[in-house]
Amino acid sequence: MTTLALSALFALLLWWASTGIVLYLDQRPRPTHARSMRGASVVGGLALAVLVATRDMATVGGACVAFTCAVLVWGWHEMSFLTGRVTGPRRHACAEGCRGVRHFRHAVEAIVHHELALAATLVLLLALAWNAANWAGAATFALLWTMRLSAKLNLFLGVRNPGTELLPAHLRYLESFFGNRSCNALLPIAVVCIALLVAWLVRSTLAAGSAFEATAYGLVAALAALALLEHLFLVMPWSVARLWGWTGHPAGAESKR
């Protein structure tokens, strides 16, 4: 139980801090974005190198390092998307009245390069973890990818609180691909599935046969619980931007008024 609690605290702080840093850098003037991306690329590259170096380190430290590096690699992708460097060939809003398959195709065109980059990184990390002792990094990135894909589908179908206030001005055209409804049929299914996943991961943490497994399962369980909360935020009348008011992000500052 102590391992689970410590893993949850570590995952929460890392998620909160890394997201805040990305939001802070993203809301700075556009001329600074190139420098921020160069710095993020260095951090992301080093994180990938460390994941390779620790692939056989089945220890508590190895699990924590792999988890952290996977989150840093994910943060690099988030920076590349939010700065507009890696999005998709479509960089304008969808026409009013566009619906159905055509509307979905336009939505995919707006983010497809980002999605392909994420998928390629996932395949790379899974390949690195194949027959390796330390699978924590690959499991972390796979969970982040799956949960983000679920969130994007729910945003497209429509939710009460899409969090558009976190989108920078140069990506505001993406709002045209967000559905306009209080909820959708997919969200309850996603919430139940994620809740079951969290329960299984918690059970695996408590039944782990080694300190490494307990730590790795605990970290991924905490991240899955955060993903569950993020899905619930989609239908809550409360702006998630409040969590990062300390970054000076305009959305966070606005939500505190």
C-alpha atoms as a PDB file:
ATOM      1  CA  MET A   1       0.000   0.000   0.000  1.00  0.00           C
ATOM      2  CA  THR A   2       2.909   2.365   0.736  1.00  0.00           C
ATOM      3  CA  THR A   3       4.382   1.689  -2.698  1.00  0.00           C
ATOM      4  CA  LEU A   4       1.048   2.493  -4.331  1.00  0.00           C
ATOM      5  CA  ALA A   5       0.710   5.748  -2.386  1.00  0.00           C
ATOM      6  CA  LEU A   6       4.255   6.886  -3.174  1.00  0.00           C
ATOM      7  CA  SER A   7       3.863   5.925  -6.840  1.00  0.00           C
ATOM      8  CA  ALA A   8       0.613   7.883  -7.039  1.00  0.00           C
ATOM      9  CA  LEU A   9       2.231  10.974  -5.499  1.00  0.00           C
ATOM     10  CA  PHE A  10       5.230  10.780  -7.834  1.00  0.00           C
ATOM     11  CA  ALA A  11       3.035  10.312 -10.918  1.00  0.00           C
ATOM     12  CA  LEU A  12       0.724  13.158  -9.901  1.00  0.00           C
ATOM     13  CA  LEU A  13       3.559  15.631  -9.330  1.00  0.00           C
ATOM     14  CA  LEU A  14       5.334  14.676 -12.558  1.00  0.00           C
ATOM     15  CA  TRP A  15       2.114  14.940 -14.608  1.00  0.00           C
ATOM     16  CA  TRP A  16       1.186  18.284 -13.046  1.00  0.00           C
ATOM     17  CA  ALA A  17       4.646  19.825 -13.378  1.00  0.00           C
ATOM     18  CA  SER A  18       5.390  18.577 -16.907  1.00  0.00           C
ATOM     19  CA  THR A  19       1.986  19.709 -18.211  1.00  0.00           C
ATOM     20  CA  GLY A  20       2.461  23.094 -16.567  1.00  0.00           C
ATOM     21  CA  ILE A  21       5.894  23.559 -18.154  1.00  0.00           C
ATOM     22  CA  VAL A  22       4.519  22.738 -21.605  1.00  0.00           C
ATOM     23  CA  LEU A  23       1.633  25.196 -21.119  1.00  0.00           C
ATOM     24  CA  TYR A  24       4.017  27.888 -19.875  1.00  0.00           C
ATOM     25  CA  LEU A  25       6.370  27.543 -22.832  1.00  0.00           C
ATOM     26  CA  ASP A  26       3.479  27.347 -25.283  1.00  0.00           C
ATOM     27  CA  GLN A  27       1.901  30.615 -24.103  1.00  0.00           C
ATOM     28  CA  ARG A  28       5.130  32.582 -24.511  1.00  0.00           C
ATOM     29  CA  PRO A  29       5.562  34.757 -27.664  1.00  0.00           C
ATOM     30  CA  ARG A  30       5.738  32.818 -30.927  1.00  0.00           C
ATOM     31  CA  PRO A  31       9.388  33.782 -31.628  1.00  0.00           C
ATOM     32  CA  THR A  32      10.411  31.805 -28.522  1.00  0.00           C
ATOM     33  CA  HIS A  33       8.779  28.585 -29.714  1.00  0.00           C
ATOM     34  CA  ALA A  34      11.672  27.536 -31.934  1.00  0.00           C
ATOM     35  CA  ARG A  35      14.092  27.794 -29.006  1.00  0.00           C
ATOM     36  CA  SER A  36      11.657  25.935 -26.749  1.00  0.00           C
ATOM     37  CA  MET A  37      11.326  23.155 -29.313  1.00  0.00           C
ATOM     38  CA  ARG A  38      15.092  22.821 -29.609  1.00  0.00           C
ATOM     39  CA  GLY A  39      15.347  22.472 -25.841  1.00  0.00           C
ATOM     40  CA  ALA A  40      12.449  20.010 -25.737  1.00  0.00           C
ATOM     41  CA  SER A  41      14.056  17.976 -28.528  1.00  0.00           C
ATOM     42  CA  VAL A  42      17.287  17.687 -26.548  1.00  0.00           C
ATOM     43  CA  VAL A  43      15.353  16.555 -23.462  1.00  0.00           C
ATOM     44  CA  GLY A  44      13.263  14.125 -25.523  1.00  0.00           C
ATOM     45  CA  GLY A  45      16.337  12.668 -27.221  1.00  0.00           C
ATOM     46  CA  LEU A  46      18.121  12.184 -23.898  1.00  0.00           C
ATOM     47  CA  ALA A  47      14.998  10.568 -22.460  1.00  0.00           C
ATOM     48  CA  LEU A  48      14.923   8.071 -25.341  1.00  0.00           C
ATOM     49  CA  ALA A  49      18.610   7.302 -24.789  1.00  0.00           C
ATOM     50  CA  VAL A  50      17.999   6.683 -21.080  1.00  0.00           C
ATOM     51  CA  LEU A  51      15.069   4.382 -21.913  1.00  0.00           C
ATOM     52  CA  VAL A  52      17.448   2.303 -24.029  1.00  0.00           C
ATOM     53  CA  ALA A  53      20.091   2.296 -21.286  1.00  0.00           C
ATOM     54  CA  THR A  54      17.628   1.189 -18.588  1.00  0.00           C
ATOM     55  CA  ARG A  55      15.662  -1.403 -20.572  1.00  0.00           C
ATOM     56  CA  ASP A  56      17.102  -4.203 -18.446  1.00  0.00           C
ATOM     57  CA  MET A  57      17.105  -2.337 -15.123  1.00  0.00           C
ATOM     58  CA  ALA A  58      14.296  -4.125 -13.252  1.00  0.00           C
ATOM     59  CA  THR A  59      14.631  -2.116 -10.041  1.00  0.00           C
ATOM     60  CA  VAL A  60      12.562   0.515  -8.263  1.00  0.00           C
ATOM     61  CA  GLY A  61      14.884   3.192  -9.611  1.00  0.00           C
ATOM     62  CA  GLY A  62      14.694   1.712 -13.095  1.00  0.00           C
ATOM     63  CA  ALA A  63      10.887   1.814 -13.051  1.00  0.00           C
ATOM     64  CA  CYS A  64      10.846   5.455 -11.880  1.00  0.00           C
ATOM     65  CA  VAL A  65      13.437   6.526 -14.443  1.00  0.00           C
ATOM     66  CA  ALA A  66      11.655   4.751 -17.310  1.00  0.00           C
ATOM     67  CA  PHE A  67       8.307   6.217 -16.267  1.00  0.00           C
ATOM     68  CA  THR A  68       9.797   9.723 -16.090  1.00  0.00           C
ATOM     69  CA  CYS A  69      11.529   9.384 -19.458  1.00  0.00           C
ATOM     70  CA  ALA A  70       8.332   8.179 -21.152  1.00  0.00           C
ATOM     71  CA  VAL A  71       6.487  11.230 -19.791  1.00  0.00           C
ATOM     72  CA  LEU A  72       9.298  13.499 -21.045  1.00  0.00           C
ATOM     73  CA  VAL A  73       9.108  11.970 -24.529  1.00  0.00           C
ATOM     74  CA  TRP A  74       5.342  12.479 -24.440  1.00  0.00           C
ATOM     75  CA  GLY A  75       5.926  16.095 -23.392  1.00  0.00           C
ATOM     76  CA  TRP A  76       8.129  16.613 -26.439  1.00  0.00           C
ATOM     77  CA  HIS A  77       5.272  15.469 -28.666  1.00  0.00           C
ATOM     78  CA  GLU A  78       2.859  17.775 -26.838  1.00  0.00           C
ATOM     79  CA  MET A  79       5.235  20.706 -27.368  1.00  0.00           C
ATOM     80  CA  SER A  80       5.536  19.924 -31.064  1.00  0.00           C
ATOM     81  CA  PHE A  81       1.745  19.887 -31.369  1.00  0.00           C
ATOM     82  CA  LEU A  82       0.845  22.925 -29.268  1.00  0.00           C
ATOM     83  CA  THR A  83       3.494  25.089 -30.922  1.00  0.00           C
ATOM     84  CA  GLY A  84       2.032  24.080 -34.289  1.00  0.00           C
ATOM     85  CA  ARG A  85       5.230  22.369 -35.475  1.00  0.00           C
ATOM     86  CA  VAL A  86       3.672  18.922 -35.939  1.00  0.00           C
ATOM     87  CA  THR A  87      -0.093  18.917 -36.518  1.00  0.00           C
ATOM     88  CA  GLY A  88      -1.495  17.983 -39.922  1.00  0.00           C
ATOM     89  CA  PRO A  89      -1.903  19.264 -43.508  1.00  0.00           C
ATOM     90  CA  ARG A  90      -5.229  20.958 -42.688  1.00  0.00           C
ATOM     91  CA  ARG A  91      -4.635  24.199 -40.786  1.00  0.00           C
ATOM     92  CA  HIS A  92      -7.997  25.893 -40.991  1.00  0.00           C
ATOM     93  CA  ALA A  93     -11.435  25.419 -39.471  1.00  0.00           C
ATOM     94  CA  CYS A  94     -14.031  23.085 -40.887  1.00  0.00           C
ATOM     95  CA  ALA A  95     -16.858  24.740 -42.816  1.00  0.00           C
ATOM     96  CA  GLU A  96     -20.080  25.297 -40.914  1.00  0.00           C
ATOM     97  CA  GLY A  97     -22.518  22.470 -41.539  1.00  0.00           C
ATOM     98  CA  CYS A  98     -19.855  19.898 -42.400  1.00  0.00           C
ATOM     99  CA  ARG A  99     -20.967  16.578 -40.909  1.00  0.00           C
ATOM    100  CA  GLY A 100     -20.477  12.824 -40.980  1.00  0.00           C
ATOM    101  CA  VAL A 101     -17.570  10.997 -42.597  1.00  0.00           C
ATOM    102  CA  ARG A 102     -16.393  14.124 -44.387  1.00  0.00           C
ATOM    103  CA  HIS A 103     -16.178  16.043 -41.111  1.00  0.00           C
ATOM    104  CA  PHE A 104     -14.274  13.166 -39.467  1.00  0.00           C
ATOM    105  CA  ARG A 105     -11.829  13.064 -42.384  1.00  0.00           C
ATOM    106  CA  HIS A 106     -11.180  16.776 -42.018  1.00  0.00           C
ATOM    107  CA  ALA A 107     -10.585  16.330 -38.291  1.00  0.00           C
ATOM    108  CA  VAL A 108      -8.044  13.574 -38.983  1.00  0.00           C
ATOM    109  CA  GLU A 109      -6.305  15.756 -41.572  1.00  0.00           C
ATOM    110  CA  ALA A 110      -5.862  18.458 -38.921  1.00  0.00           C
ATOM    111  CA  ILE A 111      -3.844  16.219 -36.556  1.00  0.00           C
ATOM    112  CA  VAL A 112      -2.635  13.253 -38.641  1.00  0.00           C
ATOM    113  CA  HIS A 113       1.089  14.131 -38.609  1.00  0.00           C
ATOM    114  CA  HIS A 114       0.998  14.374 -34.821  1.00  0.00           C
ATOM    115  CA  GLU A 115      -0.841  11.065 -34.570  1.00  0.00           C
ATOM    116  CA  LEU A 116       1.646   9.315 -36.870  1.00  0.00           C
ATOM    117  CA  ALA A 117       4.562  10.668 -34.820  1.00  0.00           C
ATOM    118  CA  LEU A 118       2.981   9.359 -31.611  1.00  0.00           C
ATOM    119  CA  ALA A 119       2.268   5.957 -33.183  1.00  0.00           C
ATOM    120  CA  ALA A 120       5.833   5.673 -34.508  1.00  0.00           C
ATOM    121  CA  THR A 121       7.244   6.478 -31.065  1.00  0.00           C
ATOM    122  CA  LEU A 122       4.935   3.922 -29.466  1.00  0.00           C
ATOM    123  CA  VAL A 123       6.124   1.222 -31.871  1.00  0.00           C
ATOM    124  CA  LEU A 124       9.737   2.163 -31.120  1.00  0.00           C
ATOM    125  CA  LEU A 125       9.251   1.962 -27.347  1.00  0.00           C
ATOM    126  CA  LEU A 126       7.382  -1.337 -27.620  1.00  0.00           C
ATOM    127  CA  ALA A 127      10.224  -2.718 -29.718  1.00  0.00           C
ATOM    128  CA  LEU A 128      12.760  -1.538 -27.124  1.00  0.00           C
ATOM    129  CA  ALA A 129      10.742  -3.202 -24.355  1.00  0.00           C
ATOM    130  CA  TRP A 130      10.405  -6.505 -26.216  1.00  0.00           C
ATOM    131  CA  ASN A 131      12.066  -9.199 -24.111  1.00  0.00           C
ATOM    132  CA  ALA A 132      13.444  -6.447 -21.841  1.00  0.00           C
ATOM    133  CA  ALA A 133      13.198  -6.560 -18.058  1.00  0.00           C
ATOM    134  CA  ASN A 134      12.056  -2.953 -17.635  1.00  0.00           C
ATOM    135  CA  TRP A 135       8.725  -2.457 -19.403  1.00  0.00           C
ATOM    136  CA  ALA A 136       7.604   0.571 -17.379  1.00  0.00           C
ATOM    137  CA  GLY A 137       8.459   3.170 -20.028  1.00  0.00           C
ATOM    138  CA  ALA A 138       6.687   1.398 -22.876  1.00  0.00           C
ATOM    139  CA  ALA A 139       3.625   0.721 -20.698  1.00  0.00           C
ATOM    140  CA  THR A 140       3.503   4.390 -19.661  1.00  0.00           C
ATOM    141  CA  PHE A 141       3.651   5.694 -23.235  1.00  0.00           C
ATOM    142  CA  ALA A 142       1.130   3.108 -24.420  1.00  0.00           C
ATOM    143  CA  LEU A 143      -1.292   4.200 -21.710  1.00  0.00           C
ATOM    144  CA  LEU A 144      -0.814   7.889 -22.545  1.00  0.00           C
ATOM    145  CA  TRP A 145      -1.405   7.176 -26.245  1.00  0.00           C
ATOM    146  CA  THR A 146      -4.544   5.115 -25.599  1.00  0.00           C
ATOM    147  CA  MET A 147      -6.054   7.605 -23.153  1.00  0.00           C
ATOM    148  CA  ARG A 148      -5.316  10.581 -25.413  1.00  0.00           C
ATOM    149  CA  LEU A 149      -6.891   8.793 -28.389  1.00  0.00           C
ATOM    150  CA  SER A 150      -9.998   8.159 -26.289  1.00  0.00           C
ATOM    151  CA  ALA A 151     -10.118  11.805 -25.207  1.00  0.00           C
ATOM    152  CA  LYS A 152      -9.795  13.029 -28.807  1.00  0.00           C
ATOM    153  CA  LEU A 153     -12.639  10.798 -29.976  1.00  0.00           C
ATOM    154  CA  ASN A 154     -14.825  12.093 -27.153  1.00  0.00           C
ATOM    155  CA  LEU A 155     -13.967  15.697 -28.020  1.00  0.00           C
ATOM    156  CA  PHE A 156     -14.937  15.046 -31.619  1.00  0.00           C
ATOM    157  CA  LEU A 157     -18.244  13.451 -30.605  1.00  0.00           C
ATOM    158  CA  GLY A 158     -18.983  16.258 -28.154  1.00  0.00           C
ATOM    159  CA  VAL A 159     -18.657  16.892 -24.418  1.00  0.00           C
ATOM    160  CA  ARG A 160     -19.705  19.601 -21.991  1.00  0.00           C
ATOM    161  CA  ASN A 161     -16.240  20.857 -21.097  1.00  0.00           C
ATOM    162  CA  PRO A 162     -13.809  20.375 -24.038  1.00  0.00           C
ATOM    163  CA  GLY A 163     -11.087  22.537 -22.463  1.00  0.00           C
ATOM    164  CA  THR A 164     -10.740  24.803 -25.494  1.00  0.00           C
ATOM    165  CA  GLU A 165      -9.318  27.503 -23.223  1.00  0.00           C
ATOM    166  CA  LEU A 166      -6.040  25.567 -23.196  1.00  0.00           C
ATOM    167  CA  LEU A 167      -5.667  25.797 -26.989  1.00  0.00           C
ATOM    168  CA  PRO A 168      -3.229  28.489 -28.138  1.00  0.00           C
ATOM    169  CA  ALA A 169      -4.514  31.128 -30.569  1.00  0.00           C
ATOM    170  CA  HIS A 170      -2.796  29.538 -33.580  1.00  0.00           C
ATOM    171  CA  LEU A 171      -4.678  26.262 -32.979  1.00  0.00           C
ATOM    172  CA  ARG A 172      -8.129  27.727 -32.338  1.00  0.00           C
ATOM    173  CA  TYR A 173      -9.321  26.332 -35.667  1.00  0.00           C
ATOM    174  CA  LEU A 174      -9.363  22.912 -33.994  1.00  0.00           C
ATOM    175  CA  GLU A 175     -12.456  23.999 -32.050  1.00  0.00           C
ATOM    176  CA  SER A 176     -14.468  23.513 -35.232  1.00  0.00           C
ATOM    177  CA  PHE A 177     -13.848  19.768 -34.906  1.00  0.00           C
ATOM    178  CA  PHE A 178     -15.181  19.551 -31.334  1.00  0.00           C
ATOM    179  CA  GLY A 179     -18.737  18.294 -31.048  1.00  0.00           C
ATOM    180  CA  ASN A 180     -21.332  20.464 -29.369  1.00  0.00           C
ATOM    181  CA  ARG A 181     -23.236  18.411 -26.804  1.00  0.00           C
ATOM    182  CA  SER A 182     -23.273  17.776 -23.073  1.00  0.00           C
ATOM    183  CA  CYS A 183     -22.110  14.161 -23.459  1.00  0.00           C
ATOM    184  CA  ASN A 184     -21.886  11.374 -26.025  1.00  0.00           C
ATOM    185  CA  ALA A 185     -22.462   7.628 -26.088  1.00  0.00           C
ATOM    186  CA  LEU A 186     -18.749   6.768 -26.068  1.00  0.00           C
ATOM    187  CA  LEU A 187     -17.789   8.636 -22.889  1.00  0.00           C
ATOM    188  CA  PRO A 188     -19.615   6.408 -20.344  1.00  0.00           C
ATOM    189  CA  ILE A 189     -18.111   3.332 -21.999  1.00  0.00           C
ATOM    190  CA  ALA A 190     -14.644   4.877 -21.880  1.00  0.00           C
ATOM    191  CA  VAL A 191     -15.039   5.847 -18.215  1.00  0.00           C
ATOM    192  CA  VAL A 192     -16.114   2.318 -17.240  1.00  0.00           C
ATOM    193  CA  CYS A 193     -13.249   0.733 -19.190  1.00  0.00           C
ATOM    194  CA  ILE A 194     -10.668   3.074 -17.662  1.00  0.00           C
ATOM    195  CA  ALA A 195     -12.086   2.475 -14.170  1.00  0.00           C
ATOM    196  CA  LEU A 196     -11.750  -1.285 -14.708  1.00  0.00           C
ATOM    197  CA  LEU A 197      -8.189  -0.793 -15.926  1.00  0.00           C
ATOM    198  CA  VAL A 198      -7.347   1.253 -12.819  1.00  0.00           C
ATOM    199  CA  ALA A 199      -8.813  -1.472 -10.595  1.00  0.00           C
ATOM    200  CA  TRP A 200      -6.766  -4.162 -12.383  1.00  0.00           C
ATOM    201  CA  LEU A 201      -3.570  -2.113 -12.140  1.00  0.00           C
ATOM    202  CA  VAL A 202      -4.117  -1.432  -8.432  1.00  0.00           C
ATOM    203  CA  ARG A 203      -4.719  -5.118  -7.846  1.00  0.00           C
ATOM    204  CA  SER A 204      -1.550  -5.956  -9.799  1.00  0.00           C
ATOM    205  CA  THR A 205       0.381  -3.443  -7.690  1.00  0.00           C
ATOM    206  CA  LEU A 206      -0.774  -5.019  -4.435  1.00  0.00           C
ATOM    207  CA  ALA A 207      -0.117  -8.547  -5.718  1.00  0.00           C
ATOM    208  CA  ALA A 208       3.261  -7.776  -7.306  1.00  0.00           C
ATOM    209  CA  GLY A 209       6.014 -10.306  -6.748  1.00  0.00           C
ATOM    210  CA  SER A 210       8.876  -7.794  -6.672  1.00  0.00           C
ATOM    211  CA  ALA A 211       9.593  -4.193  -5.748  1.00  0.00           C
ATOM    212  CA  PHE A 212      10.092  -3.364  -9.418  1.00  0.00           C
ATOM    213  CA  GLU A 213       6.706  -4.743 -10.425  1.00  0.00           C
ATOM    214  CA  ALA A 214       4.960  -3.023  -7.516  1.00  0.00           C
ATOM    215  CA  THR A 215       6.518   0.319  -8.469  1.00  0.00           C
ATOM    216  CA  ALA A 216       5.915  -0.047 -12.212  1.00  0.00           C
ATOM    217  CA  TYR A 217       2.304  -1.140 -11.793  1.00  0.00           C
ATOM    218  CA  GLY A 218       1.758   1.573  -9.175  1.00  0.00           C
ATOM    219  CA  LEU A 219       3.043   4.341 -11.443  1.00  0.00           C
ATOM    220  CA  VAL A 220       0.947   3.204 -14.401  1.00  0.00           C
ATOM    221  CA  ALA A 221      -2.092   2.780 -12.115  1.00  0.00           C
ATOM    222  CA  ALA A 222      -1.709   6.367 -10.889  1.00  0.00           C
ATOM    223  CA  LEU A 223      -1.454   7.626 -14.466  1.00  0.00           C
ATOM    224  CA  ALA A 224      -4.563   5.653 -15.429  1.00  0.00           C
ATOM    225  CA  ALA A 225      -6.419   7.193 -12.475  1.00  0.00           C
ATOM    226  CA  LEU A 226      -5.416  10.656 -13.716  1.00  0.00           C
ATOM    227  CA  ALA A 227      -6.695   9.726 -17.173  1.00  0.00           C
ATOM    228  CA  LEU A 228      -9.993   8.704 -15.574  1.00  0.00           C
ATOM    229  CA  LEU A 229     -10.212  12.114 -13.892  1.00  0.00           C
ATOM    230  CA  GLU A 230      -9.436  13.861 -17.170  1.00  0.00           C
ATOM    231  CA  HIS A 231     -12.297  12.003 -18.845  1.00  0.00           C
ATOM    232  CA  LEU A 232     -14.628  12.973 -15.996  1.00  0.00           C
ATOM    233  CA  PHE A 233     -13.542  16.610 -16.338  1.00  0.00           C
ATOM    234  CA  LEU A 234     -14.961  16.513 -19.863  1.00  0.00           C
ATOM    235  CA  VAL A 235     -18.486  16.601 -18.436  1.00  0.00           C
ATOM    236  CA  MET A 236     -17.843  18.739 -15.347  1.00  0.00           C
ATOM    237  CA  PRO A 237     -18.642  22.484 -15.214  1.00  0.00           C
ATOM    238  CA  TRP A 238     -15.127  23.200 -13.941  1.00  0.00           C
ATOM    239  CA  SER A 239     -12.142  24.354 -15.967  1.00  0.00           C
ATOM    240  CA  VAL A 240      -9.123  22.078 -15.661  1.00  0.00           C
ATOM    241  CA  ALA A 241      -6.979  25.130 -16.500  1.00  0.00           C
ATOM    242  CA  ARG A 242      -7.205  26.134 -12.823  1.00  0.00           C
ATOM    243  CA  LEU A 243      -4.675  23.432 -12.028  1.00  0.00           C
ATOM    244  CA  TRP A 244      -1.994  25.384 -13.881  1.00  0.00           C
ATOM    245  CA  GLY A 245      -2.776  28.960 -12.915  1.00  0.00           C
ATOM    246  CA  TRP A 246       0.802  29.208 -11.595  1.00  0.00           C
ATOM    247  CA  THR A 247       2.158  29.039 -15.160  1.00  0.00           C
ATOM    248  CA  GLY A 248       0.664  32.381 -16.088  1.00  0.00           C
ATOM    249  CA  HIS A 249      -1.345  30.698 -18.850  1.00  0.00           C
ATOM    250  CA  PRO A 250      -4.171  33.064 -19.892  1.00  0.00           C
ATOM    251  CA  ALA A 251      -6.716  30.274 -19.569  1.00  0.00           C
ATOM    252  CA  GLY A 252      -5.628  29.490 -16.032  1.00  0.00           C
ATOM    253  CA  ALA A 253      -5.699  33.123 -15.035  1.00  0.00           C
ATOM    254  CA  GLU A 254      -9.119  33.611 -16.595  1.00  0.00           C
ATOM    255  CA  SER A 255     -10.576  30.556 -14.833  1.00  0.00           C
ATOM    256  CA  LYS A 256      -9.627  31.955 -11.409  1.00  0.00           C
ATOM    257  CA  ARG A 257     -11.660  35.127 -11.848  1.00  0.00           C
END
